[in-house]
Amino acid sequence: MKLLYPTSLILDVARLEGFSVELQPYDVKAPEIPAEHHDADILITWTNSPDNLKYARANLPNLRWIQSLAAGPNDVLSAGFDTSRVVVTTGSGLHDRTVAEHALGLLLNAARRFYEMRDFQLQGKWPGHLGGPQPDRPKDRFTTLRDARVLVWGFGNIAKCLAPSLTLLGAEVRGVARSPGVRDGIQVYAEDSLPKLLPHTDALVMILPGSESTKNVLNAERLRLLPKHAWVVNVGRGTSIDEDALVDALEAGEIGGAALDVFQTEPLPEGSRLWKAPNVIVSPHAAGGRPQDAEDLIQYNLRRFLANQPLKNII
């Protein structure tokens, strides 16, 4: 049995030894996989090019399992793999801490207006209006996480990792997911509660996956429900926000700002209205990009695969 692992990140391959599996590295950006590896049974993927994945789909007939290290399987599925024949598992959980940390950073940037301070610094000007005496927790502005009403839409593993940091800083955290309940001490509501929740939100953090069901779910109608000072933070998928509606709301002063790590089109096109919209922080899809403890997940699933047991994170 042969396993192909990517050279696009540093893996402790020694931890995968001892399973009676031949381990071979491969170049994820190469348009082809060498012919001597066409007999591979297992493929680990990370930042593969579309051509590389399509080649693997067409030329690896023995392939039985793909372990993606990305949180979502979109790139693998787009290559056309037959999931009835090839088991596909994701890297869900490998990016929880990094994405949660980035979301927290974006929230603090928005609240304390570091982005505006940086703009003044580059001009060699002193932003006096951002320093000195300031009102404490004004109701008409998002200036602090203390007592801030933070709504996390897409309350999964990343949200569970983010919530403790938010509560530690004094935020009131609520969640939205497909099914309601209490998760790790946080009250989570179903999506039909959004009309009641959004008007009482200081910061909306979106961590939704990319799918047809989440496309443009933050639209003009829902943006109008947010208070005029509310910020939108997106570390999920760019397709979940109607970007034209968001810019319209920003330009009209209907919301406070937006800190975005993901976009409908990436890289964000030069002509995008988001570049010039007021109070927008553009982050270049930087929240994840560094799977942590990938060896643990690969090792766990490899053991179960060889034992013909169900794998973790099957799509």
Protein backbone atom coordinates (compact mmCIF):
# COMPACT_ATOMS: atom_id res chain seq x y z
CA MET A 1 0.00 0.00 0.00
CA LYS A 2 1.34 3.43 -0.93
CA LEU A 3 0.68 6.86 0.60
CA LEU A 4 1.65 10.08 -1.17
CA TYR A 5 2.30 13.06 1.11
CA PRO A 6 2.74 16.70 0.02
CA THR A 7 5.98 18.64 0.18
CA SER A 8 4.00 21.91 0.51
CA LEU A 9 4.38 21.80 4.30
CA ILE A 10 6.80 20.26 6.76
CA LEU A 11 5.42 16.97 8.04
CA ASP A 12 7.08 14.77 10.64
CA VAL A 13 6.94 11.76 8.34
CA ALA A 14 8.64 9.56 10.95
CA ARG A 15 5.39 9.64 12.91
CA LEU A 16 3.66 7.93 9.99
CA GLU A 17 6.12 5.06 9.79
CA GLY A 18 5.43 1.60 11.16
CA PHE A 19 2.09 1.09 9.42
CA SER A 20 3.36 -1.18 6.62
CA VAL A 21 2.61 1.64 4.20
CA GLU A 22 5.11 2.98 1.67
CA LEU A 23 5.47 6.74 2.16
CA GLN A 24 6.37 8.86 -0.87
CA PRO A 25 6.57 12.67 -1.24
CA TYR A 26 5.07 14.47 -4.23
CA ASP A 27 4.96 18.00 -5.63
CA VAL A 28 1.44 19.43 -5.28
CA LYS A 29 2.09 22.12 -7.89
CA ALA A 30 3.43 19.80 -10.59
CA PRO A 31 0.94 19.26 -13.43
CA GLU A 32 1.60 15.51 -13.26
CA ILE A 33 2.36 12.89 -10.61
CA PRO A 34 5.25 10.58 -11.62
CA ALA A 35 4.14 7.34 -13.27
CA GLU A 36 5.84 5.22 -10.60
CA HIS A 37 3.34 6.61 -8.09
CA HIS A 38 0.19 5.97 -10.10
CA ASP A 39 -0.40 2.91 -7.90
CA ALA A 40 -0.95 5.06 -4.80
CA ASP A 41 -3.82 4.09 -2.48
CA ILE A 42 -3.79 7.19 -0.27
CA LEU A 43 -3.29 10.86 -1.16
CA ILE A 44 -2.64 13.62 1.38
CA THR A 45 -3.42 17.03 -0.12
CA TRP A 46 -2.46 20.57 0.84
CA THR A 47 -2.54 23.59 -1.51
CA ASN A 48 -2.60 21.34 -4.58
CA SER A 49 -3.06 23.06 -7.92
CA PRO A 50 -6.30 22.27 -9.77
CA ASP A 51 -4.32 20.59 -12.55
CA ASN A 52 -2.48 18.40 -10.05
CA LEU A 53 -5.72 17.17 -8.50
CA LYS A 54 -7.37 16.58 -11.87
CA TYR A 55 -4.34 14.57 -12.95
CA ALA A 56 -4.55 12.50 -9.77
CA ARG A 57 -8.24 11.86 -10.37
CA ALA A 58 -7.56 10.64 -13.92
CA ASN A 59 -4.36 8.67 -13.32
CA LEU A 60 -4.48 7.12 -9.84
CA PRO A 61 -6.90 4.21 -10.36
CA ASN A 62 -6.07 2.52 -7.03
CA LEU A 63 -6.83 5.59 -4.96
CA ARG A 64 -9.17 4.75 -2.06
CA TRP A 65 -8.73 7.63 0.37
CA ILE A 66 -7.88 11.36 0.14
CA GLN A 67 -6.95 13.18 3.33
CA SER A 68 -7.19 16.92 2.71
CA LEU A 69 -5.48 19.14 5.25
CA ALA A 70 -7.77 22.05 4.33
CA ALA A 71 -10.80 22.76 6.48
CA GLY A 72 -13.10 22.29 3.48
CA PRO A 73 -13.02 19.80 0.58
CA ASN A 74 -13.92 22.25 -2.20
CA ASP A 75 -10.68 21.86 -4.16
CA VAL A 76 -10.81 18.05 -4.03
CA LEU A 77 -14.47 17.91 -5.01
CA SER A 78 -13.92 20.39 -7.85
CA ALA A 79 -11.37 17.98 -9.35
CA GLY A 80 -14.18 15.47 -9.90
CA PHE A 81 -13.23 12.60 -7.60
CA ASP A 82 -15.93 9.93 -7.29
CA THR A 83 -16.71 10.02 -3.56
CA SER A 84 -18.62 6.74 -3.84
CA ARG A 85 -15.29 5.08 -4.67
CA VAL A 86 -12.77 7.36 -2.94
CA VAL A 87 -13.25 8.34 0.70
CA VAL A 88 -12.52 12.06 1.23
CA THR A 89 -11.71 13.42 4.68
CA THR A 90 -11.03 17.05 5.55
CA GLY A 91 -8.61 18.85 7.84
CA SER A 92 -11.42 20.16 10.02
CA GLY A 93 -9.92 21.03 13.40
CA LEU A 94 -6.41 21.70 12.13
CA HIS A 95 -7.09 25.43 11.65
CA ASP A 96 -9.30 26.17 14.66
CA ARG A 97 -6.73 28.01 16.76
CA THR A 98 -5.19 30.04 13.95
CA VAL A 99 -8.52 31.18 12.53
CA ALA A 100 -9.89 31.97 16.00
CA GLU A 101 -6.78 34.02 16.77
CA HIS A 102 -7.11 35.93 13.49
CA ALA A 103 -10.80 36.62 14.12
CA LEU A 104 -9.92 37.98 17.56
CA GLY A 105 -7.26 40.18 15.99
CA LEU A 106 -9.69 41.58 13.45
CA LEU A 107 -12.22 42.33 16.19
CA LEU A 108 -9.63 44.16 18.28
CA ASN A 109 -8.42 46.03 15.19
CA ALA A 110 -11.96 47.17 14.49
CA ALA A 111 -12.73 48.13 18.08
CA ARG A 112 -9.48 50.00 18.74
CA ARG A 113 -9.14 51.33 15.17
CA PHE A 114 -5.54 50.22 14.68
CA TYR A 115 -6.13 50.31 10.92
CA GLU A 116 -6.93 54.02 11.09
CA MET A 117 -3.90 54.71 13.29
CA ARG A 118 -1.72 52.98 10.69
CA ASP A 119 -3.20 55.11 7.91
CA PHE A 120 -2.30 58.29 9.81
CA GLN A 121 1.17 56.94 10.58
CA LEU A 122 1.88 56.41 6.88
CA GLN A 123 0.92 60.04 6.31
CA GLY A 124 3.15 61.23 9.15
CA LYS A 125 0.13 62.64 10.97
CA TRP A 126 -0.95 62.36 14.61
CA PRO A 127 -4.48 60.86 14.94
CA GLY A 128 -5.37 62.89 17.99
CA HIS A 129 -9.04 62.00 17.75
CA LEU A 130 -8.17 58.38 18.50
CA GLY A 131 -6.14 59.12 21.62
CA GLY A 132 -6.60 61.02 24.86
CA PRO A 133 -9.81 60.89 26.89
CA GLN A 134 -12.46 58.69 25.31
CA PRO A 135 -16.02 57.76 26.34
CA ASP A 136 -16.21 54.38 28.08
CA ARG A 137 -18.29 51.81 26.19
CA PRO A 138 -20.50 54.21 24.20
CA LYS A 139 -23.69 52.57 22.97
CA ASP A 140 -23.46 54.07 19.49
CA ARG A 141 -19.97 52.76 18.66
CA PHE A 142 -17.97 49.52 18.73
CA THR A 143 -14.90 50.50 20.77
CA THR A 144 -14.25 47.55 23.08
CA LEU A 145 -14.98 43.87 23.55
CA ARG A 146 -16.00 44.45 27.13
CA ASP A 147 -19.81 44.19 27.26
CA ALA A 148 -19.88 43.96 23.45
CA ARG A 149 -22.63 41.78 22.01
CA VAL A 150 -20.79 39.41 19.66
CA LEU A 151 -22.83 37.11 17.45
CA VAL A 152 -20.96 34.21 15.85
CA TRP A 153 -22.77 32.88 12.78
CA GLY A 154 -21.52 29.39 12.04
CA PHE A 155 -20.94 28.08 15.54
CA GLY A 156 -18.65 25.10 14.98
CA ASN A 157 -15.20 24.11 16.17
CA ILE A 158 -13.55 27.45 15.32
CA ALA A 159 -16.26 29.34 17.20
CA LYS A 160 -15.80 27.08 20.22
CA CYS A 161 -12.11 27.98 20.15
CA LEU A 162 -12.81 31.71 19.76
CA ALA A 163 -15.59 32.08 22.34
CA PRO A 164 -13.44 31.65 25.49
CA SER A 165 -11.13 34.49 24.42
CA LEU A 166 -14.11 36.74 23.76
CA THR A 167 -15.76 35.98 27.10
CA LEU A 168 -12.43 36.44 28.89
CA LEU A 169 -12.32 39.97 27.48
CA GLY A 170 -15.86 40.58 28.70
CA ALA A 171 -17.93 40.08 25.54
CA GLU A 172 -21.44 38.69 25.57
CA VAL A 173 -21.21 35.83 23.05
CA ARG A 174 -24.11 34.18 21.25
CA GLY A 175 -24.06 31.76 18.36
CA VAL A 176 -26.10 30.88 15.28
CA ALA A 177 -26.09 27.43 13.70
CA ARG A 178 -28.42 25.06 11.87
CA SER A 179 -29.66 23.61 15.15
CA PRO A 180 -30.10 25.47 18.45
CA GLY A 181 -28.77 24.47 21.84
CA VAL A 182 -26.06 25.23 24.37
CA ARG A 183 -22.50 24.52 23.19
CA ASP A 184 -19.57 24.89 25.56
CA GLY A 185 -21.67 27.20 27.70
CA ILE A 186 -22.71 29.46 24.79
CA GLN A 187 -26.36 29.83 23.79
CA VAL A 188 -26.71 28.93 20.12
CA TYR A 189 -29.80 29.87 18.11
CA ALA A 190 -31.21 28.58 14.85
CA GLU A 191 -30.99 30.80 11.79
CA ASP A 192 -34.66 31.72 11.99
CA SER A 193 -33.74 33.77 15.08
CA LEU A 194 -31.50 36.12 13.09
CA PRO A 195 -34.16 38.86 12.71
CA LYS A 196 -34.30 39.09 16.51
CA LEU A 197 -30.55 38.74 17.10
CA LEU A 198 -29.03 41.06 14.49
CA PRO A 199 -30.56 44.33 15.82
CA HIS A 200 -28.83 43.63 19.14
CA THR A 201 -25.37 42.87 17.75
CA ASP A 202 -22.24 45.01 18.04
CA ALA A 203 -20.02 42.61 16.06
CA LEU A 204 -21.14 39.84 13.71
CA VAL A 205 -18.46 37.18 13.20
CA MET A 206 -19.13 34.91 10.24
CA ILE A 207 -17.50 31.46 10.12
CA LEU A 208 -19.74 29.79 7.56
CA PRO A 209 -18.62 27.11 5.09
CA GLY A 210 -18.89 27.69 1.36
CA SER A 211 -21.96 26.04 -0.17
CA GLU A 212 -25.08 26.89 -2.12
CA SER A 213 -27.02 27.09 1.14
CA THR A 214 -24.72 29.81 2.51
CA LYS A 215 -24.30 31.86 -0.66
CA ASN A 216 -24.99 35.58 -0.01
CA VAL A 217 -26.78 34.80 3.25
CA LEU A 218 -25.64 38.16 4.60
CA ASN A 219 -27.65 40.21 2.13
CA ALA A 220 -29.07 43.73 2.05
CA GLU A 221 -32.11 42.75 4.08
CA ARG A 222 -30.07 41.27 6.92
CA LEU A 223 -27.49 44.07 6.83
CA ARG A 224 -30.29 46.56 7.42
CA LEU A 225 -31.14 44.73 10.66
CA LEU A 226 -27.73 45.47 12.17
CA PRO A 227 -27.19 48.61 14.28
CA LYS A 228 -25.42 51.46 12.49
CA HIS A 229 -22.28 50.96 14.59
CA ALA A 230 -22.03 47.17 14.09
CA TRP A 231 -19.00 45.58 12.46
CA VAL A 232 -18.97 42.49 10.25
CA VAL A 233 -16.01 40.11 10.52
CA ASN A 234 -15.73 37.24 8.03
CA VAL A 235 -13.20 34.40 8.46
CA GLY A 236 -15.39 31.71 6.87
CA ARG A 237 -16.00 31.90 3.12
CA GLY A 238 -16.34 35.00 0.99
CA THR A 239 -19.36 33.62 -0.82
CA SER A 240 -21.48 34.04 2.31
CA ILE A 241 -21.63 37.84 1.93
CA ASP A 242 -23.30 39.85 -0.82
CA GLU A 243 -20.34 42.19 -1.33
CA ASP A 244 -22.25 44.84 -3.30
CA ALA A 245 -24.88 45.00 -0.57
CA LEU A 246 -22.12 45.25 2.04
CA VAL A 247 -20.41 48.16 0.26
CA ASP A 248 -23.77 49.90 -0.19
CA ALA A 249 -24.37 49.60 3.56
CA LEU A 250 -20.89 50.89 4.38
CA GLU A 251 -21.11 53.86 2.03
CA ALA A 252 -24.54 54.77 3.39
CA GLY A 253 -23.28 54.57 6.97
CA GLU A 254 -25.76 51.80 7.76
CA ILE A 255 -23.10 49.69 9.51
CA GLY A 256 -19.87 50.57 11.30
CA GLY A 257 -17.35 48.62 9.25
CA ALA A 258 -16.16 45.27 7.94
CA ALA A 259 -13.01 43.23 8.60
CA LEU A 260 -12.78 40.59 5.89
CA ASP A 261 -10.32 37.74 5.44
CA VAL A 262 -12.21 36.04 2.59
CA PHE A 263 -13.84 37.31 -0.59
CA GLN A 264 -16.05 36.25 -3.47
CA THR A 265 -13.01 36.43 -5.79
CA GLU A 266 -9.46 35.95 -4.53
CA PRO A 267 -7.14 37.74 -4.80
CA LEU A 268 -9.52 40.66 -4.37
CA PRO A 269 -9.67 42.35 -7.81
CA GLU A 270 -8.12 45.80 -8.15
CA GLY A 271 -11.48 47.19 -9.24
CA SER A 272 -13.40 45.87 -6.24
CA ARG A 273 -15.49 48.49 -4.47
CA LEU A 274 -14.29 47.07 -1.15
CA TRP A 275 -10.85 48.68 -1.54
CA LYS A 276 -12.31 52.18 -1.29
CA ALA A 277 -15.26 51.53 1.02
CA PRO A 278 -15.10 53.29 4.41
CA ASN A 279 -13.93 51.37 7.46
CA VAL A 280 -12.92 48.19 5.66
CA ILE A 281 -10.01 46.01 6.77
CA VAL A 282 -8.78 43.73 3.97
CA SER A 283 -6.98 40.61 5.15
CA PRO A 284 -5.56 38.38 2.34
CA HIS A 285 -7.10 35.03 3.37
CA ALA A 286 -4.51 34.83 6.13
CA ALA A 287 -6.51 33.41 9.03
CA GLY A 288 -5.68 29.76 8.37
CA GLY A 289 -3.01 28.50 6.00
CA ARG A 290 -0.98 26.65 8.62
CA PRO A 291 -2.51 23.30 9.62
CA GLN A 292 -1.52 22.45 13.17
CA ASP A 293 -0.88 18.89 14.39
CA ALA A 294 -1.65 17.44 10.95
CA GLU A 295 0.36 14.33 11.80
CA ASP A 296 -2.08 13.49 14.60
CA LEU A 297 -5.04 13.51 12.23
CA ILE A 298 -3.24 11.59 9.48
CA GLN A 299 -1.97 9.00 11.94
CA TYR A 300 -5.41 8.57 13.52
CA ASN A 301 -7.17 8.14 10.19
CA LEU A 302 -4.43 5.93 8.76
CA ARG A 303 -4.77 3.52 11.67
CA ARG A 304 -8.54 3.38 11.18
CA PHE A 305 -8.25 3.08 7.39
CA LEU A 306 -6.00 0.02 7.71
CA ALA A 307 -8.44 -1.48 10.21
CA ASN A 308 -11.44 -0.81 7.91
CA GLN A 309 -12.98 1.48 10.51
CA PRO A 310 -14.85 4.77 9.87
CA LEU A 311 -12.53 7.75 9.42
CA LYS A 312 -12.69 11.16 11.06
CA ASN A 313 -13.97 14.16 9.08
CA ILE A 314 -15.55 12.21 6.22
CA ILE A 315 -17.45 14.57 3.95
